[in-house]
Amino acid sequence: MAVAAGIAAAQPAPLIALRGKAIQGGWMRGQAPAGTTALLLDGKPVPLAADGAFLIAFDRDAAPQATLVAQRSGLPDLVQPIAVAPRAWAIQNVNVALRPPGLPDAEFQRIRAGELAQIKAARAQATDAQGWRQAMLKPAAGRISGHFGSQRIYQGQPGAYHSGTDIAGGAGAPILAPADGVVVLAAETPFTLEGHLVILDHGMGLNSAFLHASVLKVKVGDRVVQGQEIARIGSTGRATGPHLHWGLTWQGKRLDPELFL
């Protein structure tokens, strides 16, 4: 009996169940151990569903190692290091101005500040959407014409890296919800850069943004299901032609949409 107890005591603590790929711009789903009261990724809280399921993700510029901690009632914390694989990013030259032409810099900054505030407020909303649990669908038919993470050079002027996936689906083609969600932003008046913009919250801090639409088919507060039409492809805002720019974020981290398909 003493020997059996000694063997049991020597067994390692259970790991936090994870599936997915730990890579820059990538994601993992997991199941928290029984008794978990809080989950932390690099010291920041991770939303935890009632059944213990969760989602974590890694920014485009994530450090090579992350630490996931499960705090458990009456038990020691369970600490799991995660090695995050690096990626090489491409450089793209785009023959379009960094800012919309004809708009004075001060006026652009004033308008842009208001637009960014709306986007930030939308992404801060937490809904009970369950799309984060689903395998996502490609939101539009067509060739992928721009990949996440590449840096764009606008007529010789460096800009921010490309924060999503571009799909050349053709003007007027439908844009579909890649997963269930709640509409938290629907820009009827085109934004200077994004044009007609829709943001869907998929729950647990994960949301999708759909840029440059010609027509919106949803409004704020609408609940949509995977595969439902939410807009039509256009070239509003700063765009070189009709296409969909699909962006994904999780708790402010920018993710690679192609890794969710």
C-alpha atoms as a PDB file:
ATOM      1  CA  MET A   1       0.000   0.000   0.000  1.00  0.00           C
ATOM      2  CA  ALA A   2       2.846   2.392   0.901  1.00  0.00           C
ATOM      3  CA  VAL A   3       4.606   1.587  -2.374  1.00  0.00           C
ATOM      4  CA  ALA A   4       1.435   2.309  -4.384  1.00  0.00           C
ATOM      5  CA  ALA A   5       0.962   5.610  -2.587  1.00  0.00           C
ATOM      6  CA  GLY A   6       4.579   6.533  -3.314  1.00  0.00           C
ATOM      7  CA  ILE A   7       4.143   5.800  -7.015  1.00  0.00           C
ATOM      8  CA  ALA A   8       0.983   7.885  -7.131  1.00  0.00           C
ATOM      9  CA  ALA A   9       2.715  10.806  -5.434  1.00  0.00           C
ATOM     10  CA  ALA A  10       5.583  10.673  -7.932  1.00  0.00           C
ATOM     11  CA  GLN A  11       3.332  11.097 -10.966  1.00  0.00           C
ATOM     12  CA  PRO A  12       3.626  14.504 -12.665  1.00  0.00           C
ATOM     13  CA  ALA A  13       0.842  17.049 -12.333  1.00  0.00           C
ATOM     14  CA  PRO A  14      -1.634  16.997 -15.244  1.00  0.00           C
ATOM     15  CA  LEU A  15      -0.960  19.410 -18.079  1.00  0.00           C
ATOM     16  CA  ILE A  16      -3.506  21.903 -19.358  1.00  0.00           C
ATOM     17  CA  ALA A  17      -5.150  20.287 -22.378  1.00  0.00           C
ATOM     18  CA  LEU A  18      -4.385  22.296 -25.539  1.00  0.00           C
ATOM     19  CA  ARG A  19      -4.914  21.791 -29.250  1.00  0.00           C
ATOM     20  CA  GLY A  20      -3.924  24.028 -32.125  1.00  0.00           C
ATOM     21  CA  LYS A  21      -0.626  25.524 -33.236  1.00  0.00           C
ATOM     22  CA  ALA A  22       1.501  27.809 -31.085  1.00  0.00           C
ATOM     23  CA  ILE A  23       2.855  30.118 -33.780  1.00  0.00           C
ATOM     24  CA  GLN A  24       2.964  33.871 -34.340  1.00  0.00           C
ATOM     25  CA  GLY A  25      -0.529  34.868 -35.477  1.00  0.00           C
ATOM     26  CA  GLY A  26      -1.915  31.481 -34.428  1.00  0.00           C
ATOM     27  CA  TRP A  27      -4.290  30.129 -31.811  1.00  0.00           C
ATOM     28  CA  MET A  28      -4.980  27.223 -29.481  1.00  0.00           C
ATOM     29  CA  ARG A  29      -8.155  25.957 -27.855  1.00  0.00           C
ATOM     30  CA  GLY A  30      -8.021  24.216 -24.508  1.00  0.00           C
ATOM     31  CA  GLN A  31      -9.791  22.683 -21.541  1.00  0.00           C
ATOM     32  CA  ALA A  32      -8.953  23.941 -18.073  1.00  0.00           C
ATOM     33  CA  PRO A  33      -8.342  21.333 -15.363  1.00  0.00           C
ATOM     34  CA  ALA A  34     -11.130  20.678 -12.872  1.00  0.00           C
ATOM     35  CA  GLY A  35     -11.182  23.227 -10.066  1.00  0.00           C
ATOM     36  CA  THR A  36      -9.659  26.023 -12.158  1.00  0.00           C
ATOM     37  CA  THR A  37     -10.811  29.397 -10.859  1.00  0.00           C
ATOM     38  CA  ALA A  38      -8.800  31.628 -13.215  1.00  0.00           C
ATOM     39  CA  LEU A  39      -6.586  31.267 -16.266  1.00  0.00           C
ATOM     40  CA  LEU A  40      -3.707  33.616 -17.127  1.00  0.00           C
ATOM     41  CA  LEU A  41      -1.630  33.951 -20.294  1.00  0.00           C
ATOM     42  CA  ASP A  42       1.564  35.881 -19.587  1.00  0.00           C
ATOM     43  CA  GLY A  43      -0.111  37.322 -16.513  1.00  0.00           C
ATOM     44  CA  LYS A  44      -3.255  38.523 -18.315  1.00  0.00           C
ATOM     45  CA  PRO A  45      -6.696  36.955 -17.682  1.00  0.00           C
ATOM     46  CA  VAL A  46      -8.044  34.502 -20.254  1.00  0.00           C
ATOM     47  CA  PRO A  47     -11.860  34.222 -20.562  1.00  0.00           C
ATOM     48  CA  LEU A  48     -13.032  30.832 -19.324  1.00  0.00           C
ATOM     49  CA  ALA A  49     -16.336  29.270 -20.407  1.00  0.00           C
ATOM     50  CA  ALA A  50     -18.638  27.598 -17.904  1.00  0.00           C
ATOM     51  CA  ASP A  51     -17.559  24.165 -19.166  1.00  0.00           C
ATOM     52  CA  GLY A  52     -13.873  25.040 -18.718  1.00  0.00           C
ATOM     53  CA  ALA A  53     -13.170  25.528 -22.437  1.00  0.00           C
ATOM     54  CA  PHE A  54     -11.042  28.471 -23.557  1.00  0.00           C
ATOM     55  CA  LEU A  55      -9.202  30.061 -26.463  1.00  0.00           C
ATOM     56  CA  ILE A  56      -5.743  31.632 -26.458  1.00  0.00           C
ATOM     57  CA  ALA A  57      -3.901  33.269 -29.344  1.00  0.00           C
ATOM     58  CA  PHE A  58      -0.552  34.793 -30.233  1.00  0.00           C
ATOM     59  CA  ASP A  59       0.112  38.174 -31.804  1.00  0.00           C
ATOM     60  CA  ARG A  60       1.987  38.594 -35.070  1.00  0.00           C
ATOM     61  CA  ASP A  61       5.030  39.752 -33.065  1.00  0.00           C
ATOM     62  CA  ALA A  62       4.588  37.363 -30.118  1.00  0.00           C
ATOM     63  CA  ALA A  63       7.675  36.505 -28.064  1.00  0.00           C
ATOM     64  CA  PRO A  64       9.163  33.010 -28.506  1.00  0.00           C
ATOM     65  CA  GLN A  65       7.755  31.776 -25.206  1.00  0.00           C
ATOM     66  CA  ALA A  66       4.431  32.260 -23.437  1.00  0.00           C
ATOM     67  CA  THR A  67       3.282  31.014 -20.046  1.00  0.00           C
ATOM     68  CA  LEU A  68      -0.199  29.704 -19.311  1.00  0.00           C
ATOM     69  CA  VAL A  69      -1.201  29.461 -15.643  1.00  0.00           C
ATOM     70  CA  ALA A  70      -4.286  27.745 -14.238  1.00  0.00           C
ATOM     71  CA  GLN A  71      -5.144  28.934 -10.737  1.00  0.00           C
ATOM     72  CA  ARG A  72      -7.015  26.179  -8.862  1.00  0.00           C
ATOM     73  CA  SER A  73      -9.099  26.237  -5.733  1.00  0.00           C
ATOM     74  CA  GLY A  74      -7.122  24.764  -2.827  1.00  0.00           C
ATOM     75  CA  LEU A  75      -4.388  23.453  -5.131  1.00  0.00           C
ATOM     76  CA  PRO A  76      -1.055  24.818  -6.404  1.00  0.00           C
ATOM     77  CA  ASP A  77      -1.088  26.792  -9.640  1.00  0.00           C
ATOM     78  CA  LEU A  78      -0.564  24.709 -12.745  1.00  0.00           C
ATOM     79  CA  VAL A  79       2.079  26.367 -14.945  1.00  0.00           C
ATOM     80  CA  GLN A  80       2.564  25.415 -18.575  1.00  0.00           C
ATOM     81  CA  PRO A  81       5.203  27.045 -20.793  1.00  0.00           C
ATOM     82  CA  ILE A  82       4.332  27.333 -24.489  1.00  0.00           C
ATOM     83  CA  ALA A  83       6.982  27.653 -27.199  1.00  0.00           C
ATOM     84  CA  VAL A  84       5.681  30.050 -29.881  1.00  0.00           C
ATOM     85  CA  ALA A  85       7.145  29.382 -33.332  1.00  0.00           C
ATOM     86  CA  PRO A  86       8.452  32.427 -35.262  1.00  0.00           C
ATOM     87  CA  ARG A  87       7.545  33.271 -38.860  1.00  0.00           C
ATOM     88  CA  ALA A  88       9.199  35.129 -41.731  1.00  0.00           C
ATOM     89  CA  TRP A  89       7.116  37.997 -43.119  1.00  0.00           C
ATOM     90  CA  ALA A  90       6.962  39.235 -46.712  1.00  0.00           C
ATOM     91  CA  ILE A  91       7.277  42.848 -47.894  1.00  0.00           C
ATOM     92  CA  GLN A  92       4.654  44.228 -50.336  1.00  0.00           C
ATOM     93  CA  ASN A  93       4.876  47.403 -52.439  1.00  0.00           C
ATOM     94  CA  VAL A  94       1.488  49.056 -53.050  1.00  0.00           C
ATOM     95  CA  ASN A  95       0.924  51.884 -55.530  1.00  0.00           C
ATOM     96  CA  VAL A  96      -1.441  53.869 -53.305  1.00  0.00           C
ATOM     97  CA  ALA A  97      -0.872  56.743 -50.888  1.00  0.00           C
ATOM     98  CA  LEU A  98      -0.422  56.058 -47.185  1.00  0.00           C
ATOM     99  CA  ARG A  99      -3.264  58.500 -46.473  1.00  0.00           C
ATOM    100  CA  PRO A 100      -6.343  59.200 -48.627  1.00  0.00           C
ATOM    101  CA  PRO A 101      -5.489  61.846 -51.257  1.00  0.00           C
ATOM    102  CA  GLY A 102      -6.879  65.357 -50.948  1.00  0.00           C
ATOM    103  CA  LEU A 103      -7.483  65.207 -47.198  1.00  0.00           C
ATOM    104  CA  PRO A 104      -5.330  67.623 -45.121  1.00  0.00           C
ATOM    105  CA  ASP A 105      -3.265  65.889 -42.475  1.00  0.00           C
ATOM    106  CA  ALA A 106      -4.937  67.657 -39.531  1.00  0.00           C
ATOM    107  CA  GLU A 107      -8.399  66.858 -40.868  1.00  0.00           C
ATOM    108  CA  PHE A 108      -7.433  63.243 -41.517  1.00  0.00           C
ATOM    109  CA  GLN A 109      -6.129  62.879 -37.959  1.00  0.00           C
ATOM    110  CA  ARG A 110      -9.315  64.375 -36.505  1.00  0.00           C
ATOM    111  CA  ILE A 111     -11.592  62.071 -38.480  1.00  0.00           C
ATOM    112  CA  ARG A 112      -9.347  59.075 -37.943  1.00  0.00           C
ATOM    113  CA  ALA A 113      -9.326  59.512 -34.165  1.00  0.00           C
ATOM    114  CA  GLY A 114     -13.115  59.179 -34.103  1.00  0.00           C
ATOM    115  CA  GLU A 115     -13.062  56.109 -36.321  1.00  0.00           C
ATOM    116  CA  LEU A 116     -10.421  54.383 -34.213  1.00  0.00           C
ATOM    117  CA  ALA A 117     -12.429  55.130 -31.076  1.00  0.00           C
ATOM    118  CA  GLN A 118     -15.455  53.381 -32.612  1.00  0.00           C
ATOM    119  CA  ILE A 119     -13.357  50.359 -33.575  1.00  0.00           C
ATOM    120  CA  LYS A 120     -11.805  50.153 -30.102  1.00  0.00           C
ATOM    121  CA  ALA A 121     -15.199  50.380 -28.412  1.00  0.00           C
ATOM    122  CA  ALA A 122     -16.621  47.677 -30.680  1.00  0.00           C
ATOM    123  CA  ARG A 123     -13.762  45.280 -30.005  1.00  0.00           C
ATOM    124  CA  ALA A 124     -14.074  45.863 -26.261  1.00  0.00           C
ATOM    125  CA  GLN A 125     -17.623  44.507 -26.221  1.00  0.00           C
ATOM    126  CA  ALA A 126     -18.081  41.041 -24.741  1.00  0.00           C
ATOM    127  CA  THR A 127     -20.988  38.948 -26.003  1.00  0.00           C
ATOM    128  CA  ASP A 128     -22.117  35.381 -25.397  1.00  0.00           C
ATOM    129  CA  ALA A 129     -21.439  34.386 -29.029  1.00  0.00           C
ATOM    130  CA  GLN A 130     -20.098  30.855 -29.473  1.00  0.00           C
ATOM    131  CA  GLY A 131     -18.358  31.229 -32.837  1.00  0.00           C
ATOM    132  CA  TRP A 132     -14.974  30.925 -31.127  1.00  0.00           C
ATOM    133  CA  ARG A 133     -15.687  27.202 -30.725  1.00  0.00           C
ATOM    134  CA  GLN A 134     -16.236  26.626 -34.463  1.00  0.00           C
ATOM    135  CA  ALA A 135     -13.915  25.752 -37.316  1.00  0.00           C
ATOM    136  CA  MET A 136     -14.204  28.872 -39.479  1.00  0.00           C
ATOM    137  CA  LEU A 137     -15.391  29.105 -43.074  1.00  0.00           C
ATOM    138  CA  LYS A 138     -13.690  31.247 -45.698  1.00  0.00           C
ATOM    139  CA  PRO A 139     -15.858  34.403 -45.712  1.00  0.00           C
ATOM    140  CA  ALA A 140     -15.756  34.938 -49.482  1.00  0.00           C
ATOM    141  CA  ALA A 141     -15.014  32.945 -52.597  1.00  0.00           C
ATOM    142  CA  GLY A 142     -11.939  33.952 -54.554  1.00  0.00           C
ATOM    143  CA  ARG A 143      -8.169  34.070 -54.638  1.00  0.00           C
ATOM    144  CA  ILE A 144      -6.236  35.123 -51.541  1.00  0.00           C
ATOM    145  CA  SER A 145      -4.451  38.216 -52.810  1.00  0.00           C
ATOM    146  CA  GLY A 146      -2.812  39.442 -49.615  1.00  0.00           C
ATOM    147  CA  HIS A 147      -1.463  37.548 -46.652  1.00  0.00           C
ATOM    148  CA  PHE A 148      -1.385  38.436 -42.977  1.00  0.00           C
ATOM    149  CA  GLY A 149       1.798  39.832 -41.467  1.00  0.00           C
ATOM    150  CA  SER A 150       3.412  41.277 -44.559  1.00  0.00           C
ATOM    151  CA  GLN A 151       4.557  44.881 -44.365  1.00  0.00           C
ATOM    152  CA  ARG A 152       3.287  47.270 -47.012  1.00  0.00           C
ATOM    153  CA  ILE A 153       5.275  50.085 -48.573  1.00  0.00           C
ATOM    154  CA  TYR A 154       2.900  52.814 -49.826  1.00  0.00           C
ATOM    155  CA  GLN A 155       4.552  54.582 -52.764  1.00  0.00           C
ATOM    156  CA  GLY A 156       7.891  54.268 -50.994  1.00  0.00           C
ATOM    157  CA  GLN A 157       6.559  55.165 -47.528  1.00  0.00           C
ATOM    158  CA  PRO A 158       6.572  52.270 -44.998  1.00  0.00           C
ATOM    159  CA  GLY A 159       3.243  51.559 -43.357  1.00  0.00           C
ATOM    160  CA  ALA A 160       2.018  49.178 -40.699  1.00  0.00           C
ATOM    161  CA  TYR A 161       2.127  45.452 -41.405  1.00  0.00           C
ATOM    162  CA  HIS A 162      -0.853  43.869 -43.146  1.00  0.00           C
ATOM    163  CA  SER A 163      -3.244  42.974 -40.358  1.00  0.00           C
ATOM    164  CA  GLY A 164      -5.473  40.505 -42.192  1.00  0.00           C
ATOM    165  CA  THR A 165      -6.141  38.370 -45.253  1.00  0.00           C
ATOM    166  CA  ASP A 166      -7.250  39.877 -48.576  1.00  0.00           C
ATOM    167  CA  ILE A 167      -9.646  37.919 -50.791  1.00  0.00           C
ATOM    168  CA  ALA A 168     -10.167  38.999 -54.408  1.00  0.00           C
ATOM    169  CA  GLY A 169     -13.755  37.857 -54.745  1.00  0.00           C
ATOM    170  CA  GLY A 170     -15.041  40.376 -57.283  1.00  0.00           C
ATOM    171  CA  ALA A 171     -17.244  43.441 -56.851  1.00  0.00           C
ATOM    172  CA  GLY A 172     -20.638  42.650 -55.377  1.00  0.00           C
ATOM    173  CA  ALA A 173     -19.775  39.108 -54.294  1.00  0.00           C
ATOM    174  CA  PRO A 174     -21.253  38.078 -50.925  1.00  0.00           C
ATOM    175  CA  ILE A 175     -19.281  38.273 -47.681  1.00  0.00           C
ATOM    176  CA  LEU A 176     -20.291  35.500 -45.282  1.00  0.00           C
ATOM    177  CA  ALA A 177     -19.884  35.169 -41.528  1.00  0.00           C
ATOM    178  CA  PRO A 178     -16.978  32.738 -40.990  1.00  0.00           C
ATOM    179  CA  ALA A 179     -18.472  31.733 -37.630  1.00  0.00           C
ATOM    180  CA  ASP A 180     -21.426  32.604 -35.418  1.00  0.00           C
ATOM    181  CA  GLY A 181     -21.267  36.095 -33.945  1.00  0.00           C
ATOM    182  CA  VAL A 182     -22.889  39.333 -32.884  1.00  0.00           C
ATOM    183  CA  VAL A 183     -22.507  42.510 -34.953  1.00  0.00           C
ATOM    184  CA  VAL A 184     -20.725  45.094 -32.775  1.00  0.00           C
ATOM    185  CA  LEU A 185     -19.952  47.622 -35.540  1.00  0.00           C
ATOM    186  CA  ALA A 186     -21.557  48.312 -38.925  1.00  0.00           C
ATOM    187  CA  ALA A 187     -20.202  51.483 -40.529  1.00  0.00           C
ATOM    188  CA  GLU A 188     -22.963  52.812 -42.785  1.00  0.00           C
ATOM    189  CA  THR A 189     -20.815  55.902 -43.400  1.00  0.00           C
ATOM    190  CA  PRO A 190     -17.521  54.673 -44.904  1.00  0.00           C
ATOM    191  CA  PHE A 191     -14.426  55.055 -42.739  1.00  0.00           C
ATOM    192  CA  THR A 192     -11.427  56.785 -44.338  1.00  0.00           C
ATOM    193  CA  LEU A 193      -9.333  53.603 -44.551  1.00  0.00           C
ATOM    194  CA  GLU A 194     -11.690  50.668 -43.911  1.00  0.00           C
ATOM    195  CA  GLY A 195     -14.631  51.942 -45.962  1.00  0.00           C
ATOM    196  CA  HIS A 196     -17.902  50.221 -45.080  1.00  0.00           C
ATOM    197  CA  LEU A 197     -16.835  48.071 -42.147  1.00  0.00           C
ATOM    198  CA  VAL A 198     -18.475  45.227 -40.218  1.00  0.00           C
ATOM    199  CA  ILE A 199     -17.072  43.780 -36.980  1.00  0.00           C
ATOM    200  CA  LEU A 200     -18.421  40.516 -35.578  1.00  0.00           C
ATOM    201  CA  ASP A 201     -17.757  39.388 -32.032  1.00  0.00           C
ATOM    202  CA  HIS A 202     -17.329  35.595 -31.902  1.00  0.00           C
ATOM    203  CA  GLY A 203     -17.122  35.458 -28.108  1.00  0.00           C
ATOM    204  CA  MET A 204     -14.274  34.983 -25.614  1.00  0.00           C
ATOM    205  CA  GLY A 205     -12.422  38.044 -26.923  1.00  0.00           C
ATOM    206  CA  LEU A 206     -12.269  36.878 -30.571  1.00  0.00           C
ATOM    207  CA  ASN A 207     -13.645  39.135 -33.304  1.00  0.00           C
ATOM    208  CA  SER A 208     -13.573  39.497 -37.086  1.00  0.00           C
ATOM    209  CA  ALA A 209     -13.453  42.692 -39.143  1.00  0.00           C
ATOM    210  CA  PHE A 210     -14.589  42.886 -42.770  1.00  0.00           C
ATOM    211  CA  LEU A 211     -13.356  45.931 -44.716  1.00  0.00           C
ATOM    212  CA  HIS A 212     -14.081  47.784 -47.983  1.00  0.00           C
ATOM    213  CA  ALA A 213     -17.658  46.497 -48.395  1.00  0.00           C
ATOM    214  CA  SER A 214     -19.957  48.063 -50.970  1.00  0.00           C
ATOM    215  CA  VAL A 215     -23.183  47.172 -49.153  1.00  0.00           C
ATOM    216  CA  LEU A 216     -23.894  46.114 -45.570  1.00  0.00           C
ATOM    217  CA  LYS A 217     -26.513  43.434 -44.899  1.00  0.00           C
ATOM    218  CA  VAL A 218     -26.513  43.638 -41.089  1.00  0.00           C
ATOM    219  CA  LYS A 219     -26.771  46.228 -38.327  1.00  0.00           C
ATOM    220  CA  VAL A 220     -25.342  46.564 -34.826  1.00  0.00           C
ATOM    221  CA  GLY A 221     -26.850  44.033 -32.434  1.00  0.00           C
ATOM    222  CA  ASP A 222     -27.736  41.458 -35.080  1.00  0.00           C
ATOM    223  CA  ARG A 223     -26.913  37.848 -34.271  1.00  0.00           C
ATOM    224  CA  VAL A 224     -25.564  36.004 -37.290  1.00  0.00           C
ATOM    225  CA  VAL A 225     -24.864  32.360 -37.937  1.00  0.00           C
ATOM    226  CA  GLN A 226     -21.960  30.797 -39.773  1.00  0.00           C
ATOM    227  CA  GLY A 227     -22.387  31.192 -43.535  1.00  0.00           C
ATOM    228  CA  GLN A 228     -24.911  34.052 -43.321  1.00  0.00           C
ATOM    229  CA  GLU A 229     -24.397  36.941 -45.741  1.00  0.00           C
ATOM    230  CA  ILE A 230     -23.318  40.078 -43.868  1.00  0.00           C
ATOM    231  CA  ALA A 231     -22.111  42.371 -46.691  1.00  0.00           C
ATOM    232  CA  ARG A 232     -20.971  42.569 -50.320  1.00  0.00           C
ATOM    233  CA  ILE A 233     -17.411  42.994 -51.583  1.00  0.00           C
ATOM    234  CA  GLY A 234     -16.483  46.511 -52.654  1.00  0.00           C
ATOM    235  CA  SER A 235     -13.601  48.975 -52.807  1.00  0.00           C
ATOM    236  CA  THR A 236     -14.665  51.633 -50.292  1.00  0.00           C
ATOM    237  CA  GLY A 237     -12.027  53.288 -48.123  1.00  0.00           C
ATOM    238  CA  ARG A 238      -8.381  52.861 -49.070  1.00  0.00           C
ATOM    239  CA  ALA A 239      -8.413  50.021 -51.578  1.00  0.00           C
ATOM    240  CA  THR A 240      -6.668  49.345 -54.865  1.00  0.00           C
ATOM    241  CA  GLY A 241      -9.738  47.529 -56.206  1.00  0.00           C
ATOM    242  CA  PRO A 242     -12.695  45.406 -55.113  1.00  0.00           C
ATOM    243  CA  HIS A 243     -11.672  42.901 -52.447  1.00  0.00           C
ATOM    244  CA  LEU A 244     -12.397  41.761 -48.912  1.00  0.00           C
ATOM    245  CA  HIS A 245      -9.898  42.455 -46.157  1.00  0.00           C
ATOM    246  CA  TRP A 246     -10.656  40.048 -43.302  1.00  0.00           C
ATOM    247  CA  GLY A 247      -8.975  40.764 -39.982  1.00  0.00           C
ATOM    248  CA  LEU A 248      -9.067  38.754 -36.746  1.00  0.00           C
ATOM    249  CA  THR A 249      -8.117  39.875 -33.245  1.00  0.00           C
ATOM    250  CA  TRP A 250      -8.148  38.256 -29.825  1.00  0.00           C
ATOM    251  CA  GLN A 251      -7.865  40.562 -26.837  1.00  0.00           C
ATOM    252  CA  GLY A 252      -6.054  43.142 -28.944  1.00  0.00           C
ATOM    253  CA  LYS A 253      -3.671  40.621 -30.527  1.00  0.00           C
ATOM    254  CA  ARG A 254      -3.738  40.507 -34.328  1.00  0.00           C
ATOM    255  CA  LEU A 255      -4.092  37.014 -35.748  1.00  0.00           C
ATOM    256  CA  ASP A 256      -3.675  35.269 -39.107  1.00  0.00           C
ATOM    257  CA  PRO A 257      -7.154  34.453 -40.487  1.00  0.00           C
ATOM    258  CA  GLU A 258      -5.769  31.733 -42.746  1.00  0.00           C
ATOM    259  CA  LEU A 259      -4.771  29.738 -39.652  1.00  0.00           C
ATOM    260  CA  PHE A 260      -8.442  29.614 -38.592  1.00  0.00           C
ATOM    261  CA  LEU A 261      -9.663  27.987 -41.813  1.00  0.00           C
END
